[in-house]
């Protein structure tokens, strides 16, 4: 199957939510693709700006993800996540990535609108889907600083002023949570979904329980971003393998089981986000 545009994946996932999973290593990407194939669900391979810095560049991992997505039998796409650099977005689009998130949440509202609108206009001229977020002024984690909540009226004005295609909103989740006890404001999710003409995105979803994610989707959340839980699954598997076989040195012997652990984690999330539904990709819909 060829690379599927993100809006088509959102449509294919309905009435469930679209799982979007962050890629750090090639094993992450392979596991996510395998999980999407085994569950017959659409999914997104996401590459964050932090991961680009870790790999000292976007191109190698982007090429790997794009080829994996294009060669997979599942409906997949590749998305650039939390990009604060116009240059990085430009590079991603030139490489063939058709969905990006511009993160101007550290800026004040007016500057965020101005920068996001300019990037959105440039991306739309090239057929690229744009996600953005509203953040707290000075907030370390932007829209996902603990206690921050997105105001529906401000969100409507932001979307209207910028023309973005999707909006990450603050409804009670937080990045990098290792426990799954975040409590989402489902009434706020419903209010935002009713007012906004674009899909809602939940960041920091690793900190939300299965029941909480199901409720978020039922109340209007469309794209669910998950990263930390995949890294926990990988780390726990590697620790277990090396503890059992302390003399192992071949990384394939411990990263292989780790890749399988990530796949199982993604499979579970994809089932939670689309309960009781056999999901066909856009090519079959």
Protein backbone atom coordinates (compact mmCIF):
# COMPACT_ATOMS: atom_id res chain seq x y z
CA UNK A 1 0.00 0.00 0.00
CA UNK A 2 1.29 3.47 -0.80
CA UNK A 3 1.69 6.16 1.84
CA UNK A 4 -1.78 7.30 2.96
CA UNK A 5 -2.51 11.01 3.64
CA UNK A 6 -3.24 11.67 7.30
CA UNK A 7 -6.78 13.04 6.70
CA UNK A 8 -7.67 9.73 5.03
CA UNK A 9 -6.35 7.83 8.06
CA UNK A 10 -8.46 9.97 10.38
CA UNK A 11 -11.52 9.14 8.29
CA UNK A 12 -10.61 5.44 8.19
CA UNK A 13 -10.26 5.31 11.98
CA UNK A 14 -13.73 6.71 12.67
CA UNK A 15 -15.66 6.21 14.86
CA UNK A 16 -12.52 5.22 16.74
CA UNK A 17 -9.38 7.25 17.25
CA UNK A 18 -6.24 7.25 15.10
CA UNK A 19 -3.19 5.94 16.92
CA UNK A 20 -0.01 7.98 16.31
CA UNK A 21 3.18 6.44 17.68
CA UNK A 22 6.60 8.04 18.06
CA UNK A 23 9.55 6.39 16.35
CA UNK A 24 12.99 6.61 17.97
CA UNK A 25 14.75 3.57 16.53
CA UNK A 26 14.18 1.44 13.45
CA UNK A 27 12.77 -1.20 15.80
CA UNK A 28 10.02 1.23 16.82
CA UNK A 29 9.03 1.81 13.20
CA UNK A 30 9.05 -1.88 12.33
CA UNK A 31 6.98 -2.73 15.40
CA UNK A 32 4.38 -0.04 14.71
CA UNK A 33 3.98 -1.18 11.09
CA UNK A 34 3.69 -4.82 12.15
CA UNK A 35 1.08 -3.96 14.78
CA UNK A 36 -1.00 -2.01 12.26
CA UNK A 37 -0.84 -4.97 9.88
CA UNK A 38 -1.77 -7.57 12.52
CA UNK A 39 -4.74 -5.55 13.83
CA UNK A 40 -5.84 -4.19 10.44
CA UNK A 41 -5.87 -0.65 11.83
CA UNK A 42 -4.50 2.60 10.39
CA UNK A 43 -1.61 4.19 12.27
CA UNK A 44 0.88 7.05 12.14
CA UNK A 45 4.68 6.81 12.40
CA UNK A 46 5.82 10.01 14.12
CA UNK A 47 9.32 11.47 14.24
CA UNK A 48 9.86 14.21 16.80
CA UNK A 49 12.33 17.06 16.61
CA UNK A 50 14.08 15.61 19.67
CA UNK A 51 14.55 12.32 17.83
CA UNK A 52 15.95 14.19 14.82
CA UNK A 53 18.55 15.74 17.13
CA UNK A 54 19.35 12.32 18.60
CA UNK A 55 20.00 10.88 15.14
CA UNK A 56 21.92 14.03 14.10
CA UNK A 57 19.59 14.56 11.19
CA UNK A 58 16.16 13.72 9.80
CA UNK A 59 16.96 12.04 6.49
CA UNK A 60 18.00 8.47 7.47
CA UNK A 61 15.10 7.78 9.83
CA UNK A 62 12.61 9.60 7.61
CA UNK A 63 13.62 7.53 4.60
CA UNK A 64 13.30 4.33 6.64
CA UNK A 65 9.84 5.25 7.92
CA UNK A 66 8.61 6.38 4.51
CA UNK A 67 9.75 3.14 2.90
CA UNK A 68 8.26 1.02 5.69
CA UNK A 69 4.94 2.81 5.38
CA UNK A 70 4.89 2.55 1.60
CA UNK A 71 5.74 -1.15 1.64
CA UNK A 72 3.32 -2.10 4.42
CA UNK A 73 -0.04 -3.77 3.81
CA UNK A 74 -1.48 -1.48 6.51
CA UNK A 75 -2.70 2.09 6.04
CA UNK A 76 0.18 4.19 7.38
CA UNK A 77 1.65 7.64 7.09
CA UNK A 78 4.69 9.49 8.44
CA UNK A 79 4.33 12.65 10.53
CA UNK A 80 6.90 15.16 11.82
CA UNK A 81 6.06 15.83 15.48
CA UNK A 82 6.73 18.92 17.64
CA UNK A 83 8.85 20.77 15.12
CA UNK A 84 9.81 24.25 16.29
CA UNK A 85 12.06 24.93 13.31
CA UNK A 86 10.82 26.16 9.94
CA UNK A 87 13.95 24.65 8.41
CA UNK A 88 13.14 21.19 9.77
CA UNK A 89 9.60 21.38 8.41
CA UNK A 90 10.95 22.40 5.01
CA UNK A 91 13.36 19.48 5.02
CA UNK A 92 10.61 17.04 6.03
CA UNK A 93 8.35 18.16 3.20
CA UNK A 94 11.21 17.94 0.70
CA UNK A 95 11.84 14.35 1.84
CA UNK A 96 8.21 13.41 1.15
CA UNK A 97 6.60 13.72 4.59
CA UNK A 98 3.06 15.01 4.08
CA UNK A 99 2.01 15.74 7.66
CA UNK A 100 3.79 18.01 10.13
CA UNK A 101 3.20 19.52 13.53
CA UNK A 102 4.47 23.04 14.05
CA UNK A 103 4.88 23.68 17.77
CA UNK A 104 4.74 27.39 18.52
CA UNK A 105 3.33 26.82 22.00
CA UNK A 106 6.31 28.45 23.71
CA UNK A 107 5.47 31.72 21.94
CA UNK A 108 2.88 34.20 23.11
CA UNK A 109 -0.49 33.93 21.42
CA UNK A 110 0.05 36.59 18.75
CA UNK A 111 3.48 35.27 17.76
CA UNK A 112 2.17 31.70 17.71
CA UNK A 113 -0.66 32.72 15.37
CA UNK A 114 1.68 34.61 13.05
CA UNK A 115 4.27 31.84 12.80
CA UNK A 116 1.72 29.04 12.53
CA UNK A 117 -0.26 30.83 9.83
CA UNK A 118 2.86 31.40 7.71
CA UNK A 119 3.98 27.79 7.98
CA UNK A 120 0.46 26.49 7.32
CA UNK A 121 0.15 28.61 4.17
CA UNK A 122 3.51 27.31 2.91
CA UNK A 123 2.59 23.70 3.69
CA UNK A 124 -0.86 23.92 2.12
CA UNK A 125 0.69 25.15 -1.12
CA UNK A 126 2.51 21.80 -1.15
CA UNK A 127 -0.40 19.61 -0.08
CA UNK A 128 0.91 19.06 3.44
CA UNK A 129 -1.34 18.57 6.50
CA UNK A 130 -0.52 20.84 9.48
CA UNK A 131 -1.13 20.22 13.17
CA UNK A 132 -0.51 22.90 15.81
CA UNK A 133 -1.12 23.48 19.49
CA UNK A 134 -2.04 26.23 21.87
CA UNK A 135 0.28 26.63 24.83
CA UNK A 136 0.64 28.55 28.02
CA UNK A 137 2.96 31.55 27.91
CA UNK A 138 6.25 30.37 29.33
CA UNK A 139 4.91 26.89 29.91
CA UNK A 140 7.70 24.31 29.71
CA UNK A 141 5.40 21.77 28.11
CA UNK A 142 3.23 24.24 26.21
CA UNK A 143 -0.38 23.15 26.04
CA UNK A 144 0.45 20.19 28.25
CA UNK A 145 1.83 22.02 31.26
CA UNK A 146 0.02 20.54 34.29
CA UNK A 147 -3.18 22.45 35.01
CA UNK A 148 -3.37 24.18 31.62
CA UNK A 149 -6.64 23.84 29.73
CA UNK A 150 -7.52 24.97 26.22
CA UNK A 151 -10.20 27.66 26.01
CA UNK A 152 -12.74 26.70 23.30
CA UNK A 153 -13.29 30.26 22.09
CA UNK A 154 -9.56 30.96 21.88
CA UNK A 155 -9.09 27.67 20.03
CA UNK A 156 -11.76 28.64 17.47
CA UNK A 157 -10.04 31.98 16.89
CA UNK A 158 -6.64 30.29 16.58
CA UNK A 159 -7.83 27.78 13.99
CA UNK A 160 -9.62 30.50 12.03
CA UNK A 161 -6.55 32.76 12.06
CA UNK A 162 -4.01 30.09 11.14
CA UNK A 163 -5.89 27.69 8.88
CA UNK A 164 -4.39 24.60 10.57
CA UNK A 165 -5.82 21.16 9.83
CA UNK A 166 -5.70 19.72 13.37
CA UNK A 167 -5.22 21.11 16.86
CA UNK A 168 -3.52 19.59 19.90
CA UNK A 169 -5.50 20.66 22.95
CA UNK A 170 -4.84 20.70 26.69
CA UNK A 171 -7.45 18.60 28.48
CA UNK A 172 -5.52 17.01 31.36
CA UNK A 173 -2.72 14.91 29.86
CA UNK A 174 1.01 15.57 30.19
CA UNK A 175 4.11 14.45 28.31
CA UNK A 176 6.44 11.68 29.53
CA UNK A 177 4.14 10.27 32.23
CA UNK A 178 5.21 6.81 33.42
CA UNK A 179 1.96 6.17 35.29
CA UNK A 180 -1.45 6.02 33.61
CA UNK A 181 -3.46 8.06 36.09
CA UNK A 182 -4.03 11.32 34.18
CA UNK A 183 -7.66 12.41 34.39
CA UNK A 184 -9.00 13.94 31.19
CA UNK A 185 -11.71 16.61 31.10
CA UNK A 186 -14.18 14.86 28.82
CA UNK A 187 -16.68 17.73 29.06
CA UNK A 188 -14.02 20.07 27.70
CA UNK A 189 -13.16 17.59 24.95
CA UNK A 190 -16.83 17.49 23.92
CA UNK A 191 -17.07 21.29 23.98
CA UNK A 192 -13.94 21.67 21.86
CA UNK A 193 -15.11 19.02 19.40
CA UNK A 194 -18.46 20.76 19.04
CA UNK A 195 -16.90 24.17 18.35
CA UNK A 196 -13.83 23.36 16.28
CA UNK A 197 -13.98 22.51 12.57
CA UNK A 198 -10.76 20.47 12.72
CA UNK A 199 -9.79 17.17 14.41
CA UNK A 200 -8.57 17.26 18.00
CA UNK A 201 -5.23 15.73 18.97
CA UNK A 202 -4.31 14.35 22.40
CA UNK A 203 -0.62 14.54 23.30
CA UNK A 204 0.79 12.82 26.37
CA UNK A 205 -1.57 9.87 25.92
CA UNK A 206 0.80 7.40 27.61
CA UNK A 207 -0.37 8.81 30.93
CA UNK A 208 -4.03 8.01 30.25
CA UNK A 209 -5.70 4.69 31.07
CA UNK A 210 -7.39 2.54 28.44
CA UNK A 211 -10.77 3.59 29.80
CA UNK A 212 -9.74 7.23 29.70
CA UNK A 213 -8.60 6.97 26.09
CA UNK A 214 -11.84 5.28 25.11
CA UNK A 215 -13.82 8.07 26.76
CA UNK A 216 -11.69 10.72 25.06
CA UNK A 217 -12.40 9.23 21.64
CA UNK A 218 -16.12 8.92 22.36
CA UNK A 219 -16.23 12.59 23.34
CA UNK A 220 -14.50 13.77 20.17
CA UNK A 221 -10.74 13.22 20.33
CA UNK A 222 -9.49 12.12 16.88
CA UNK A 223 -5.71 11.53 16.97
CA UNK A 224 -4.01 9.95 19.96
CA UNK A 225 -0.23 10.42 20.34
CA UNK A 226 1.71 7.77 22.25
CA UNK A 227 5.45 7.59 22.91
CA UNK A 228 6.50 6.89 26.51
CA UNK A 229 4.66 3.57 26.86
CA UNK A 230 6.49 2.20 23.83
CA UNK A 231 9.84 3.18 25.33
CA UNK A 232 8.89 1.58 28.65
CA UNK A 233 7.97 -1.66 26.87
CA UNK A 234 11.29 -1.67 25.01
CA UNK A 235 13.36 -0.89 28.10
CA UNK A 236 11.63 -3.51 30.25
CA UNK A 237 12.14 -6.17 27.60
CA UNK A 238 15.82 -5.35 27.13
CA UNK A 239 16.42 -5.34 30.89
CA UNK A 240 14.71 -8.72 31.25
CA UNK A 241 16.63 -10.30 28.38
CA UNK A 242 20.01 -9.03 29.60
CA UNK A 243 19.25 -10.06 33.17
CA UNK A 244 18.51 -13.58 31.98
CA UNK A 245 21.43 -13.65 29.55
CA UNK A 246 24.07 -11.30 31.02
CA UNK A 247 26.73 -12.33 28.50
CA UNK A 248 24.72 -11.27 25.45
CA UNK A 249 26.48 -8.78 23.22
CA UNK A 250 24.65 -9.17 19.90
CA UNK A 251 22.06 -6.34 19.91
CA UNK A 252 19.75 -8.40 17.69
CA UNK A 253 19.32 -10.84 20.58
CA UNK A 254 17.90 -8.19 22.92
CA UNK A 255 16.49 -5.60 20.52
CA UNK A 256 14.50 -8.29 18.70
CA UNK A 257 12.41 -9.16 21.78
CA UNK A 258 12.21 -5.44 22.50
CA UNK A 259 10.74 -4.84 19.06
CA UNK A 260 8.16 -7.54 19.75
CA UNK A 261 7.29 -5.89 23.07
CA UNK A 262 6.68 -2.56 21.29
CA UNK A 263 4.50 -4.33 18.73
CA UNK A 264 2.34 -5.87 21.45
CA UNK A 265 1.97 -2.48 23.14
CA UNK A 266 0.90 -0.82 19.88
CA UNK A 267 -1.53 -3.64 19.10
CA UNK A 268 -3.21 -3.12 22.46
CA UNK A 269 -3.54 0.63 21.89
CA UNK A 270 -4.96 0.15 18.41
CA UNK A 271 -7.61 -2.20 19.80
CA UNK A 272 -8.47 0.20 22.62
CA UNK A 273 -8.88 3.08 20.17
CA UNK A 274 -11.19 1.09 17.88
CA UNK A 275 -13.09 -1.32 20.13
CA UNK A 276 -15.10 -4.03 18.45
CA UNK A 277 -14.35 -2.86 14.94
CA UNK A 278 -12.49 -4.45 12.06
CA UNK A 279 -10.77 -1.47 10.48
CA UNK A 280 -10.14 -1.41 6.77
CA UNK A 281 -7.65 1.02 5.29
CA UNK A 282 -8.73 3.73 2.86
CA UNK A 283 -7.89 1.58 -0.15
CA UNK A 284 -10.61 -0.89 0.85
CA UNK A 285 -13.13 1.60 2.23
